[in-house]
Amino acid sequence: MGNVKSAINSTVSISDFNKGLAGKIFKSVNDNGAMVVMKNNKAECVLLSPKEYLELMNTLEDLQDYVLALEREAEPNEKLTPLRKSKKSLESQTQIRKKSMKKIWNLNELEH
């Protein structure tokens, strides 16, 4: 039941913005964390405080660096090129990245 209450408390209707409640919504995001903005009963966007956003971006960057390190460790002689290069190069790099991600999280579902 706690998950339902949490979900209800972390959503806000887009119509609340039209009612002049933006300041209250932003304060709630800063005090309580992220909120999902609903439009026509569908998630339209997610509101994050600047602090949460920076933490998320820092975590993502750290994870990307870690994956790159694993890729280099797994294939030390293979030069990773930008993804916009040839299709063969892209496929090779994709396989290396999948292996790296599988190693990080031990996820079998990354193999399709």
PDB file of N, CA and C in Angstrom:
ATOM      1  N   MET A   1       0.823  -1.200   0.000  1.00  0.00           N
ATOM      2  CA  MET A   1       0.000   0.000   0.000  1.00  0.00           C
ATOM      3  C   MET A   1       0.859   1.253   0.000  1.00  0.00           C
ATOM      4  N   GLY A   2       2.041   1.173   0.599  1.00  0.00           N
ATOM      5  CA  GLY A   2       2.934   2.314   0.643  1.00  0.00           C
ATOM      6  C   GLY A   2       3.347   2.778  -0.734  1.00  0.00           C
ATOM      7  N   ASN A   3       3.497   1.841  -1.683  1.00  0.00           N
ATOM      8  CA  ASN A   3       3.889   2.214  -3.038  1.00  0.00           C
ATOM      9  C   ASN A   3       2.799   3.009  -3.737  1.00  0.00           C
ATOM     10  N   VAL A   4       1.542   2.661  -3.506  1.00  0.00           N
ATOM     11  CA  VAL A   4       0.433   3.395  -4.108  1.00  0.00           C
ATOM     12  C   VAL A   4       0.396   4.814  -3.561  1.00  0.00           C
ATOM     13  N   LYS A   5       0.538   4.954  -2.259  1.00  0.00           N
ATOM     14  CA  LYS A   5       0.540   6.284  -1.639  1.00  0.00           C
ATOM     15  C   LYS A   5       1.713   7.108  -2.160  1.00  0.00           C
ATOM     16  N   SER A   6       2.865   6.476  -2.273  1.00  0.00           N
ATOM     17  CA  SER A   6       4.046   7.169  -2.790  1.00  0.00           C
ATOM     18  C   SER A   6       3.831   7.625  -4.222  1.00  0.00           C
ATOM     19  N   ALA A   7       3.227   6.759  -5.037  1.00  0.00           N
ATOM     20  CA  ALA A   7       2.972   7.107  -6.435  1.00  0.00           C
ATOM     21  C   ALA A   7       1.989   8.266  -6.543  1.00  0.00           C
ATOM     22  N   ILE A   8       0.950   8.231  -5.720  1.00  0.00           N
ATOM     23  CA  ILE A   8      -0.044   9.306  -5.746  1.00  0.00           C
ATOM     24  C   ILE A   8       0.585  10.621  -5.302  1.00  0.00           C
ATOM     25  N   ASN A   9       1.413  10.566  -4.274  1.00  0.00           N
ATOM     26  CA  ASN A   9       2.048  11.778  -3.761  1.00  0.00           C
ATOM     27  C   ASN A   9       3.139  12.310  -4.682  1.00  0.00           C
ATOM     28  N   SER A  10       3.627  11.483  -5.597  1.00  0.00           N
ATOM     29  CA  SER A  10       4.701  11.942  -6.475  1.00  0.00           C
ATOM     30  C   SER A  10       4.199  12.296  -7.872  1.00  0.00           C
ATOM     31  N   THR A  11       2.889  12.422  -8.044  1.00  0.00           N
ATOM     32  CA  THR A  11       2.347  12.857  -9.328  1.00  0.00           C
ATOM     33  C   THR A  11       1.603  14.170  -9.163  1.00  0.00           C
ATOM     34  N   VAL A  12       1.562  14.917 -10.240  1.00  0.00           N
ATOM     35  CA  VAL A  12       0.851  16.185 -10.249  1.00  0.00           C
ATOM     36  C   VAL A  12       0.236  16.359 -11.638  1.00  0.00           C
ATOM     37  N   SER A  13      -0.951  16.879 -11.696  1.00  0.00           N
ATOM     38  CA  SER A  13      -1.626  17.098 -12.974  1.00  0.00           C
ATOM     39  C   SER A  13      -1.123  18.383 -13.621  1.00  0.00           C
ATOM     40  N   ILE A  14      -1.024  18.362 -14.916  1.00  0.00           N
ATOM     41  CA  ILE A  14      -0.594  19.564 -15.640  1.00  0.00           C
ATOM     42  C   ILE A  14      -1.582  20.712 -15.419  1.00  0.00           C
ATOM     43  N   SER A  15      -2.828  20.374 -15.159  1.00  0.00           N
ATOM     44  CA  SER A  15      -3.831  21.417 -14.922  1.00  0.00           C
ATOM     45  C   SER A  15      -3.536  22.203 -13.652  1.00  0.00           C
ATOM     46  N   ASP A  16      -2.803  21.606 -12.703  1.00  0.00           N
ATOM     47  CA  ASP A  16      -2.413  22.347 -11.494  1.00  0.00           C
ATOM     48  C   ASP A  16      -1.515  23.530 -11.831  1.00  0.00           C
ATOM     49  N   PHE A  17      -0.730  23.407 -12.886  1.00  0.00           N
ATOM     50  CA  PHE A  17       0.104  24.532 -13.319  1.00  0.00           C
ATOM     51  C   PHE A  17      -0.776  25.665 -13.837  1.00  0.00           C
ATOM     52  N   ASN A  18      -1.856  25.290 -14.530  1.00  0.00           N
ATOM     53  CA  ASN A  18      -2.787  26.295 -15.063  1.00  0.00           C
ATOM     54  C   ASN A  18      -3.570  26.996 -13.965  1.00  0.00           C
ATOM     55  N   LYS A  19      -3.633  26.356 -12.799  1.00  0.00           N
ATOM     56  CA  LYS A  19      -4.347  26.936 -11.658  1.00  0.00           C
ATOM     57  C   LYS A  19      -3.439  27.820 -10.806  1.00  0.00           C
ATOM     58  N   GLY A  20      -2.231  28.062 -11.285  1.00  0.00           N
ATOM     59  CA  GLY A  20      -1.315  28.937 -10.554  1.00  0.00           C
ATOM     60  C   GLY A  20      -0.602  28.270  -9.400  1.00  0.00           C
ATOM     61  N   LEU A  21      -0.473  26.954  -9.438  1.00  0.00           N
ATOM     62  CA  LEU A  21       0.144  26.226  -8.333  1.00  0.00           C
ATOM     63  C   LEU A  21       1.599  25.841  -8.598  1.00  0.00           C
ATOM     64  N   ALA A  22       2.200  26.416  -9.618  1.00  0.00           N
ATOM     65  CA  ALA A  22       3.574  26.054  -9.981  1.00  0.00           C
ATOM     66  C   ALA A  22       4.544  26.250  -8.820  1.00  0.00           C
ATOM     67  N   GLY A  23       4.459  27.369  -8.129  1.00  0.00           N
ATOM     68  CA  GLY A  23       5.361  27.631  -7.004  1.00  0.00           C
ATOM     69  C   GLY A  23       5.243  26.568  -5.929  1.00  0.00           C
ATOM     70  N   LYS A  24       4.025  26.178  -5.619  1.00  0.00           N
ATOM     71  CA  LYS A  24       3.782  25.133  -4.614  1.00  0.00           C
ATOM     72  C   LYS A  24       4.349  23.783  -5.081  1.00  0.00           C
ATOM     73  N   ILE A  25       4.175  23.496  -6.371  1.00  0.00           N
ATOM     74  CA  ILE A  25       4.683  22.245  -6.933  1.00  0.00           C
ATOM     75  C   ILE A  25       6.204  22.224  -6.883  1.00  0.00           C
ATOM     76  N   PHE A  26       6.842  23.321  -7.287  1.00  0.00           N
ATOM     77  CA  PHE A  26       8.300  23.390  -7.267  1.00  0.00           C
ATOM     78  C   PHE A  26       8.839  23.252  -5.841  1.00  0.00           C
ATOM     79  N   LYS A  27       8.153  23.853  -4.875  1.00  0.00           N
ATOM     80  CA  LYS A  27       8.572  23.719  -3.480  1.00  0.00           C
ATOM     81  C   LYS A  27       8.473  22.264  -3.038  1.00  0.00           C
ATOM     82  N   SER A  28       7.400  21.593  -3.438  1.00  0.00           N
ATOM     83  CA  SER A  28       7.231  20.188  -3.100  1.00  0.00           C
ATOM     84  C   SER A  28       8.346  19.335  -3.706  1.00  0.00           C
ATOM     85  N   VAL A  29       8.730  19.624  -4.932  1.00  0.00           N
ATOM     86  CA  VAL A  29       9.828  18.895  -5.586  1.00  0.00           C
ATOM     87  C   VAL A  29      11.121  19.110  -4.814  1.00  0.00           C
ATOM     88  N   ASN A  30      11.398  20.353  -4.436  1.00  0.00           N
ATOM     89  CA  ASN A  30      12.620  20.638  -3.683  1.00  0.00           C
ATOM     90  C   ASN A  30      12.608  20.000  -2.296  1.00  0.00           C
ATOM     91  N   ASP A  31      11.428  19.937  -1.664  1.00  0.00           N
ATOM     92  CA  ASP A  31      11.329  19.378  -0.307  1.00  0.00           C
ATOM     93  C   ASP A  31      11.234  17.856  -0.294  1.00  0.00           C
ATOM     94  N   ASN A  32      10.501  17.296  -1.260  1.00  0.00           N
ATOM     95  CA  ASN A  32      10.157  15.873  -1.202  1.00  0.00           C
ATOM     96  C   ASN A  32      10.734  15.015  -2.323  1.00  0.00           C
ATOM     97  N   GLY A  33      11.315  15.624  -3.325  1.00  0.00           N
ATOM     98  CA  GLY A  33      11.879  14.836  -4.418  1.00  0.00           C
ATOM     99  C   GLY A  33      11.070  14.941  -5.694  1.00  0.00           C
ATOM    100  N   ALA A  34      11.459  14.147  -6.653  1.00  0.00           N
ATOM    101  CA  ALA A  34      10.913  14.191  -8.013  1.00  0.00           C
ATOM    102  C   ALA A  34       9.403  13.986  -8.041  1.00  0.00           C
ATOM    103  N   MET A  35       8.779  14.606  -9.042  1.00  0.00           N
ATOM    104  CA  MET A  35       7.345  14.439  -9.277  1.00  0.00           C
ATOM    105  C   MET A  35       7.133  14.202 -10.770  1.00  0.00           C
ATOM    106  N   VAL A  36       6.127  13.395 -11.061  1.00  0.00           N
ATOM    107  CA  VAL A  36       5.746  13.117 -12.445  1.00  0.00           C
ATOM    108  C   VAL A  36       4.560  14.001 -12.793  1.00  0.00           C
ATOM    109  N   VAL A  37       4.685  14.726 -13.893  1.00  0.00           N
ATOM    110  CA  VAL A  37       3.600  15.583 -14.365  1.00  0.00           C
ATOM    111  C   VAL A  37       2.742  14.761 -15.325  1.00  0.00           C
ATOM    112  N   MET A  38       1.461  14.688 -15.011  1.00  0.00           N
ATOM    113  CA  MET A  38       0.518  13.906 -15.811  1.00  0.00           C
ATOM    114  C   MET A  38      -0.291  14.818 -16.725  1.00  0.00           C
ATOM    115  N   LYS A  39      -0.489  14.359 -17.960  1.00  0.00           N
ATOM    116  CA  LYS A  39      -1.316  15.078 -18.923  1.00  0.00           C
ATOM    117  C   LYS A  39      -2.174  14.038 -19.630  1.00  0.00           C
ATOM    118  N   ASN A  40      -3.483  14.187 -19.545  1.00  0.00           N
ATOM    119  CA  ASN A  40      -4.410  13.212 -20.128  1.00  0.00           C
ATOM    120  C   ASN A  40      -4.119  11.797 -19.622  1.00  0.00           C
ATOM    121  N   ASN A  41      -3.876  11.701 -18.319  1.00  0.00           N
ATOM    122  CA  ASN A  41      -3.620  10.429 -17.647  1.00  0.00           C
ATOM    123  C   ASN A  41      -2.374   9.699 -18.144  1.00  0.00           C
ATOM    124  N   LYS A  42      -1.442  10.433 -18.702  1.00  0.00           N
ATOM    125  CA  LYS A  42      -0.162   9.876 -19.143  1.00  0.00           C
ATOM    126  C   LYS A  42       0.957  10.712 -18.551  1.00  0.00           C
ATOM    127  N   ALA A  43       2.059  10.051 -18.224  1.00  0.00           N
ATOM    128  CA  ALA A  43       3.230  10.783 -17.733  1.00  0.00           C
ATOM    129  C   ALA A  43       3.763  11.662 -18.864  1.00  0.00           C
ATOM    130  N   GLU A  44       3.857  12.952 -18.591  1.00  0.00           N
ATOM    131  CA  GLU A  44       4.316  13.907 -19.605  1.00  0.00           C
ATOM    132  C   GLU A  44       5.778  14.282 -19.396  1.00  0.00           C
ATOM    133  N   CYS A  45       6.171  14.468 -18.138  1.00  0.00           N
ATOM    134  CA  CYS A  45       7.562  14.790 -17.825  1.00  0.00           C
ATOM    135  C   CYS A  45       7.816  14.527 -16.345  1.00  0.00           C
ATOM    136  N   VAL A  46       9.091  14.608 -15.970  1.00  0.00           N
ATOM    137  CA  VAL A  46       9.484  14.418 -14.575  1.00  0.00           C
ATOM    138  C   VAL A  46      10.158  15.697 -14.103  1.00  0.00           C
ATOM    139  N   LEU A  47       9.728  16.189 -12.961  1.00  0.00           N
ATOM    140  CA  LEU A  47      10.335  17.373 -12.367  1.00  0.00           C
ATOM    141  C   LEU A  47      11.355  16.921 -11.325  1.00  0.00           C
ATOM    142  N   LEU A  48      12.554  17.465 -11.417  1.00  0.00           N
ATOM    143  CA  LEU A  48      13.623  17.190 -10.452  1.00  0.00           C
ATOM    144  C   LEU A  48      14.147  18.501  -9.909  1.00  0.00           C
ATOM    145  N   SER A  49      14.600  18.475  -8.671  1.00  0.00           N
ATOM    146  CA  SER A  49      15.268  19.658  -8.145  1.00  0.00           C
ATOM    147  C   SER A  49      16.637  19.755  -8.822  1.00  0.00           C
ATOM    148  N   PRO A  50      17.225  20.941  -8.854  1.00  0.00           N
ATOM    149  CA  PRO A  50      18.563  21.067  -9.441  1.00  0.00           C
ATOM    150  C   PRO A  50      19.569  20.127  -8.763  1.00  0.00           C
ATOM    151  N   LYS A  51      19.456  19.966  -7.455  1.00  0.00           N
ATOM    152  CA  LYS A  51      20.371  19.084  -6.724  1.00  0.00           C
ATOM    153  C   LYS A  51      20.220  17.640  -7.191  1.00  0.00           C
ATOM    154  N   GLU A  52      18.964  17.170  -7.304  1.00  0.00           N
ATOM    155  CA  GLU A  52      18.720  15.799  -7.775  1.00  0.00           C
ATOM    156  C   GLU A  52      19.227  15.601  -9.200  1.00  0.00           C
ATOM    157  N   TYR A  53      19.001  16.607 -10.038  1.00  0.00           N
ATOM    158  CA  TYR A  53      19.438  16.518 -11.430  1.00  0.00           C
ATOM    159  C   TYR A  53      20.959  16.399 -11.506  1.00  0.00           C
ATOM    160  N   LEU A  54      21.675  17.236 -10.766  1.00  0.00           N
ATOM    161  CA  LEU A  54      23.137  17.182 -10.782  1.00  0.00           C
ATOM    162  C   LEU A  54      23.646  15.846 -10.249  1.00  0.00           C
ATOM    163  N   GLU A  55      23.021  15.335  -9.187  1.00  0.00           N
ATOM    164  CA  GLU A  55      23.411  14.032  -8.647  1.00  0.00           C
ATOM    165  C   GLU A  55      23.201  12.936  -9.687  1.00  0.00           C
ATOM    166  N   LEU A  56      22.081  12.995 -10.377  1.00  0.00           N
ATOM    167  CA  LEU A  56      21.782  12.012 -11.411  1.00  0.00           C
ATOM    168  C   LEU A  56      22.796  12.079 -12.543  1.00  0.00           C
ATOM    169  N   MET A  57      23.106  13.281 -12.996  1.00  0.00           N
ATOM    170  CA  MET A  57      24.076  13.443 -14.081  1.00  0.00           C
ATOM    171  C   MET A  57      25.472  12.991 -13.650  1.00  0.00           C
ATOM    172  N   ASN A  58      25.860  13.290 -12.413  1.00  0.00           N
ATOM    173  CA  ASN A  58      27.162  12.848 -11.912  1.00  0.00           C
ATOM    174  C   ASN A  58      27.228  11.325 -11.835  1.00  0.00           C
ATOM    175  N   THR A  59      26.149  10.698 -11.386  1.00  0.00           N
ATOM    176  CA  THR A  59      26.100   9.244 -11.319  1.00  0.00           C
ATOM    177  C   THR A  59      26.195   8.639 -12.711  1.00  0.00           C
ATOM    178  N   LEU A  60      25.468   9.208 -13.655  1.00  0.00           N
ATOM    179  CA  LEU A  60      25.511   8.729 -15.031  1.00  0.00           C
ATOM    180  C   LEU A  60      26.919   8.852 -15.603  1.00  0.00           C
ATOM    181  N   GLU A  61      27.550   9.980 -15.386  1.00  0.00           N
ATOM    182  CA  GLU A  61      28.906  10.190 -15.887  1.00  0.00           C
ATOM    183  C   GLU A  61      29.882   9.192 -15.267  1.00  0.00           C
ATOM    184  N   ASP A  62      29.746   8.952 -13.966  1.00  0.00           N
ATOM    185  CA  ASP A  62      30.605   7.971 -13.293  1.00  0.00           C
ATOM    186  C   ASP A  62      30.404   6.579 -13.885  1.00  0.00           C
ATOM    187  N   LEU A  63      29.158   6.221 -14.147  1.00  0.00           N
ATOM    188  CA  LEU A  63      28.851   4.918 -14.720  1.00  0.00           C
ATOM    189  C   LEU A  63      29.417   4.806 -16.136  1.00  0.00           C
ATOM    190  N   GLN A  64      29.288   5.860 -16.923  1.00  0.00           N
ATOM    191  CA  GLN A  64      29.836   5.846 -18.279  1.00  0.00           C
ATOM    192  C   GLN A  64      31.356   5.690 -18.240  1.00  0.00           C
ATOM    193  N   ASP A  65      32.011   6.368 -17.312  1.00  0.00           N
ATOM    194  CA  ASP A  65      33.460   6.229 -17.170  1.00  0.00           C
ATOM    195  C   ASP A  65      33.833   4.804 -16.780  1.00  0.00           C
ATOM    196  N   TYR A  66      33.041   4.214 -15.888  1.00  0.00           N
ATOM    197  CA  TYR A  66      33.299   2.853 -15.439  1.00  0.00           C
ATOM    198  C   TYR A  66      33.137   1.860 -16.590  1.00  0.00           C
ATOM    199  N   VAL A  67      32.085   2.036 -17.379  1.00  0.00           N
ATOM    200  CA  VAL A  67      31.856   1.164 -18.533  1.00  0.00           C
ATOM    201  C   VAL A  67      33.008   1.304 -19.518  1.00  0.00           C
ATOM    202  N   LEU A  68      33.447   2.518 -19.775  1.00  0.00           N
ATOM    203  CA  LEU A  68      34.562   2.742 -20.689  1.00  0.00           C
ATOM    204  C   LEU A  68      35.821   2.046 -20.181  1.00  0.00           C
ATOM    205  N   ALA A  69      36.072   2.128 -18.876  1.00  0.00           N
ATOM    206  CA  ALA A  69      37.234   1.453 -18.302  1.00  0.00           C
ATOM    207  C   ALA A  69      37.129  -0.059 -18.479  1.00  0.00           C
ATOM    208  N   LEU A  70      35.940  -0.613 -18.266  1.00  0.00           N
ATOM    209  CA  LEU A  70      35.749  -2.055 -18.466  1.00  0.00           C
ATOM    210  C   LEU A  70      35.940  -2.436 -19.928  1.00  0.00           C
ATOM    211  N   GLU A  71      35.454  -1.590 -20.826  1.00  0.00           N
ATOM    212  CA  GLU A  71      35.621  -1.859 -22.257  1.00  0.00           C
ATOM    213  C   GLU A  71      37.102  -1.885 -22.616  1.00  0.00           C
ATOM    214  N   ARG A  72      37.826  -0.937 -22.122  1.00  0.00           N
ATOM    215  CA  ARG A  72      39.263  -0.878 -22.424  1.00  0.00           C
ATOM    216  C   ARG A  72      39.995  -2.052 -21.808  1.00  0.00           C
ATOM    217  N   GLU A  73      39.563  -2.476 -20.647  1.00  0.00           N
ATOM    218  CA  GLU A  73      40.161  -3.625 -19.986  1.00  0.00           C
ATOM    219  C   GLU A  73      39.857  -4.907 -20.768  1.00  0.00           C
ATOM    220  N   ALA A  74      38.634  -5.029 -21.258  1.00  0.00           N
ATOM    221  CA  ALA A  74      38.209  -6.230 -21.981  1.00  0.00           C
ATOM    222  C   ALA A  74      38.856  -6.325 -23.357  1.00  0.00           C
ATOM    223  N   GLU A  75      39.043  -5.230 -24.006  1.00  0.00           N
ATOM    224  CA  GLU A  75      39.598  -5.186 -25.362  1.00  0.00           C
ATOM    225  C   GLU A  75      40.739  -4.175 -25.423  1.00  0.00           C
ATOM    226  N   PRO A  76      41.872  -4.450 -24.768  1.00  0.00           N
ATOM    227  CA  PRO A  76      42.940  -3.438 -24.685  1.00  0.00           C
ATOM    228  C   PRO A  76      43.564  -3.062 -26.028  1.00  0.00           C
ATOM    229  N   ASN A  77      43.518  -3.954 -27.017  1.00  0.00           N
ATOM    230  CA  ASN A  77      44.159  -3.654 -28.298  1.00  0.00           C
ATOM    231  C   ASN A  77      43.188  -3.095 -29.335  1.00  0.00           C
ATOM    232  N   GLU A  78      41.905  -3.123 -29.011  1.00  0.00           N
ATOM    233  CA  GLU A  78      40.921  -2.614 -29.960  1.00  0.00           C
ATOM    234  C   GLU A  78      40.625  -1.161 -29.661  1.00  0.00           C
ATOM    235  N   LYS A  79      40.786  -0.337 -30.671  1.00  0.00           N
ATOM    236  CA  LYS A  79      40.518   1.086 -30.508  1.00  0.00           C
ATOM    237  C   LYS A  79      39.022   1.332 -30.663  1.00  0.00           C
ATOM    238  N   LEU A  80      38.418   1.930 -29.664  1.00  0.00           N
ATOM    239  CA  LEU A  80      37.002   2.273 -29.754  1.00  0.00           C
ATOM    240  C   LEU A  80      36.873   3.580 -30.513  1.00  0.00           C
ATOM    241  N   THR A  81      36.079   3.543 -31.557  1.00  0.00           N
ATOM    242  CA  THR A  81      35.906   4.720 -32.393  1.00  0.00           C
ATOM    243  C   THR A  81      34.534   5.326 -32.124  1.00  0.00           C
ATOM    244  N   PRO A  82      34.332   6.574 -32.523  1.00  0.00           N
ATOM    245  CA  PRO A  82      33.006   7.173 -32.339  1.00  0.00           C
ATOM    246  C   PRO A  82      31.939   6.325 -33.013  1.00  0.00           C
ATOM    247  N   LEU A  83      30.741   6.316 -32.431  1.00  0.00           N
ATOM    248  CA  LEU A  83      29.665   5.480 -32.926  1.00  0.00           C
ATOM    249  C   LEU A  83      29.197   5.851 -34.329  1.00  0.00           C
ATOM    250  N   ARG A  84      29.561   6.997 -34.814  1.00  0.00           N
ATOM    251  CA  ARG A  84      29.094   7.397 -36.143  1.00  0.00           C
ATOM    252  C   ARG A  84      29.931   6.762 -37.260  1.00  0.00           C
ATOM    253  N   LYS A  85      30.923   5.974 -36.924  1.00  0.00           N
ATOM    254  CA  LYS A  85      31.759   5.307 -37.922  1.00  0.00           C
ATOM    255  C   LYS A  85      30.973   4.181 -38.593  1.00  0.00           C
ATOM    256  N   SER A  86      31.666   3.284 -39.254  1.00  0.00           N
ATOM    257  CA  SER A  86      31.027   2.232 -40.046  1.00  0.00           C
ATOM    258  C   SER A  86      30.102   1.350 -39.222  1.00  0.00           C
ATOM    259  N   LYS A  87      29.175   0.687 -39.930  1.00  0.00           N
ATOM    260  CA  LYS A  87      28.207  -0.199 -39.269  1.00  0.00           C
ATOM    261  C   LYS A  87      28.938  -1.334 -38.564  1.00  0.00           C
ATOM    262  N   LYS A  88      29.971  -1.886 -39.175  1.00  0.00           N
ATOM    263  CA  LYS A  88      30.733  -2.977 -38.565  1.00  0.00           C
ATOM    264  C   LYS A  88      31.365  -2.511 -37.262  1.00  0.00           C
ATOM    265  N   SER A  89      31.942  -1.328 -37.295  1.00  0.00           N
ATOM    266  CA  SER A  89      32.547  -0.763 -36.097  1.00  0.00           C
ATOM    267  C   SER A  89      31.502  -0.566 -35.012  1.00  0.00           C
ATOM    268  N   LEU A  90      30.326  -0.073 -35.400  1.00  0.00           N
ATOM    269  CA  LEU A  90      29.236   0.141 -34.456  1.00  0.00           C
ATOM    270  C   LEU A  90      28.807  -1.174 -33.820  1.00  0.00           C
ATOM    271  N   GLU A  91      28.653  -2.222 -34.647  1.00  0.00           N
ATOM    272  CA  GLU A  91      28.240  -3.524 -34.123  1.00  0.00           C
ATOM    273  C   GLU A  91      29.286  -4.069 -33.154  1.00  0.00           C
ATOM    274  N   SER A  92      30.548  -3.939 -33.485  1.00  0.00           N
ATOM    275  CA  SER A  92      31.622  -4.409 -32.616  1.00  0.00           C
ATOM    276  C   SER A  92      31.600  -3.680 -31.280  1.00  0.00           C
ATOM    277  N   GLN A  93      31.480  -2.359 -31.333  1.00  0.00           N
ATOM    278  CA  GLN A  93      31.447  -1.576 -30.108  1.00  0.00           C
ATOM    279  C   GLN A  93      30.210  -1.870 -29.280  1.00  0.00           C
ATOM    280  N   THR A  94      29.092  -2.105 -29.956  1.00  0.00           N
ATOM    281  CA  THR A  94      27.861  -2.438 -29.245  1.00  0.00           C
ATOM    282  C   THR A  94      28.040  -3.733 -28.473  1.00  0.00           C
ATOM    283  N   GLN A  95      28.676  -4.725 -29.080  1.00  0.00           N
ATOM    284  CA  GLN A  95      28.924  -5.991 -28.391  1.00  0.00           C
ATOM    285  C   GLN A  95      29.845  -5.799 -27.187  1.00  0.00           C
ATOM    286  N   ILE A  96      30.875  -4.983 -27.342  1.00  0.00           N
ATOM    287  CA  ILE A  96      31.789  -4.701 -26.221  1.00  0.00           C
ATOM    288  C   ILE A  96      31.023  -4.025 -25.099  1.00  0.00           C
ATOM    289  N   ARG A  97      30.182  -3.058 -25.436  1.00  0.00           N
ATOM    290  CA  ARG A  97      29.405  -2.350 -24.414  1.00  0.00           C
ATOM    291  C   ARG A  97      28.420  -3.288 -23.723  1.00  0.00           C
ATOM    292  N   LYS A  98      27.790  -4.182 -24.486  1.00  0.00           N
ATOM    293  CA  LYS A  98      26.878  -5.143 -23.872  1.00  0.00           C
ATOM    294  C   LYS A  98      27.620  -6.041 -22.894  1.00  0.00           C
ATOM    295  N   LYS A  99      28.804  -6.503 -23.290  1.00  0.00           N
ATOM    296  CA  LYS A  99      29.599  -7.344 -22.388  1.00  0.00           C
ATOM    297  C   LYS A  99      29.958  -6.577 -21.123  1.00  0.00           C
ATOM    298  N   SER A 100      30.317  -5.310 -21.289  1.00  0.00           N
ATOM    299  CA  SER A 100      30.681  -4.484 -20.136  1.00  0.00           C
ATOM    300  C   SER A 100      29.496  -4.276 -19.211  1.00  0.00           C
ATOM    301  N   MET A 101      28.337  -3.963 -19.787  1.00  0.00           N
ATOM    302  CA  MET A 101      27.153  -3.747 -18.968  1.00  0.00           C
ATOM    303  C   MET A 101      26.736  -5.039 -18.273  1.00  0.00           C
ATOM    304  N   LYS A 102      26.855  -6.166 -18.977  1.00  0.00           N
ATOM    305  CA  LYS A 102      26.515  -7.449 -18.370  1.00  0.00           C
ATOM    306  C   LYS A 102      27.455  -7.725 -17.194  1.00  0.00           C
ATOM    307  N   LYS A 103      28.715  -7.384 -17.368  1.00  0.00           N
ATOM    308  CA  LYS A 103      29.682  -7.595 -16.301  1.00  0.00           C
ATOM    309  C   LYS A 103      29.350  -6.726 -15.085  1.00  0.00           C
ATOM    310  N   ILE A 104      28.902  -5.506 -15.330  1.00  0.00           N
ATOM    311  CA  ILE A 104      28.564  -4.607 -14.229  1.00  0.00           C
ATOM    312  C   ILE A 104      27.368  -5.130 -13.456  1.00  0.00           C
ATOM    313  N   TRP A 105      26.290  -5.429 -14.161  1.00  0.00           N
ATOM    314  CA  TRP A 105      25.037  -5.783 -13.485  1.00  0.00           C
ATOM    315  C   TRP A 105      24.686  -7.255 -13.570  1.00  0.00           C
ATOM    316  N   ASN A 106      25.497  -8.008 -14.324  1.00  0.00           N
ATOM    317  CA  ASN A 106      25.226  -9.428 -14.517  1.00  0.00           C
ATOM    318  C   ASN A 106      23.807  -9.621 -15.055  1.00  0.00           C
ATOM    319  N   LEU A 107      23.481  -8.868 -16.085  1.00  0.00           N
ATOM    320  CA  LEU A 107      22.149  -8.924 -16.680  1.00  0.00           C
ATOM    321  C   LEU A 107      22.149  -9.774 -17.925  1.00  0.00           C
ATOM    322  N   ASN A 108      21.400 -10.830 -17.920  1.00  0.00           N
ATOM    323  CA  ASN A 108      21.280 -11.680 -19.097  1.00  0.00           C
ATOM    324  C   ASN A 108      20.374 -11.064 -20.150  1.00  0.00           C
ATOM    325  N   GLU A 109      19.465 -10.181 -19.747  1.00  0.00           N
ATOM    326  CA  GLU A 109      18.522  -9.619 -20.704  1.00  0.00           C
ATOM    327  C   GLU A 109      19.170  -8.656 -21.689  1.00  0.00           C
ATOM    328  N   LEU A 110      20.439  -8.288 -21.478  1.00  0.00           N
ATOM    329  CA  LEU A 110      21.109  -7.424 -22.454  1.00  0.00           C
ATOM    330  C   LEU A 110      21.435  -8.191 -23.725  1.00  0.00           C
ATOM    331  N   GLU A 111      21.379  -9.527 -23.684  1.00  0.00           N
ATOM    332  CA  GLU A 111      21.629 -10.341 -24.859  1.00  0.00           C
ATOM    333  C   GLU A 111      20.299 -10.606 -25.543  1.00  0.00           C
ATOM    334  N   HIS A 112      20.107 -10.014 -26.686  1.00  0.00           N
ATOM    335  CA  HIS A 112      18.851 -10.228 -27.431  1.00  0.00           C
ATOM    336  C   HIS A 112      19.143 -11.012 -28.673  1.00  0.00           C
TER     337      HIS A 112
END
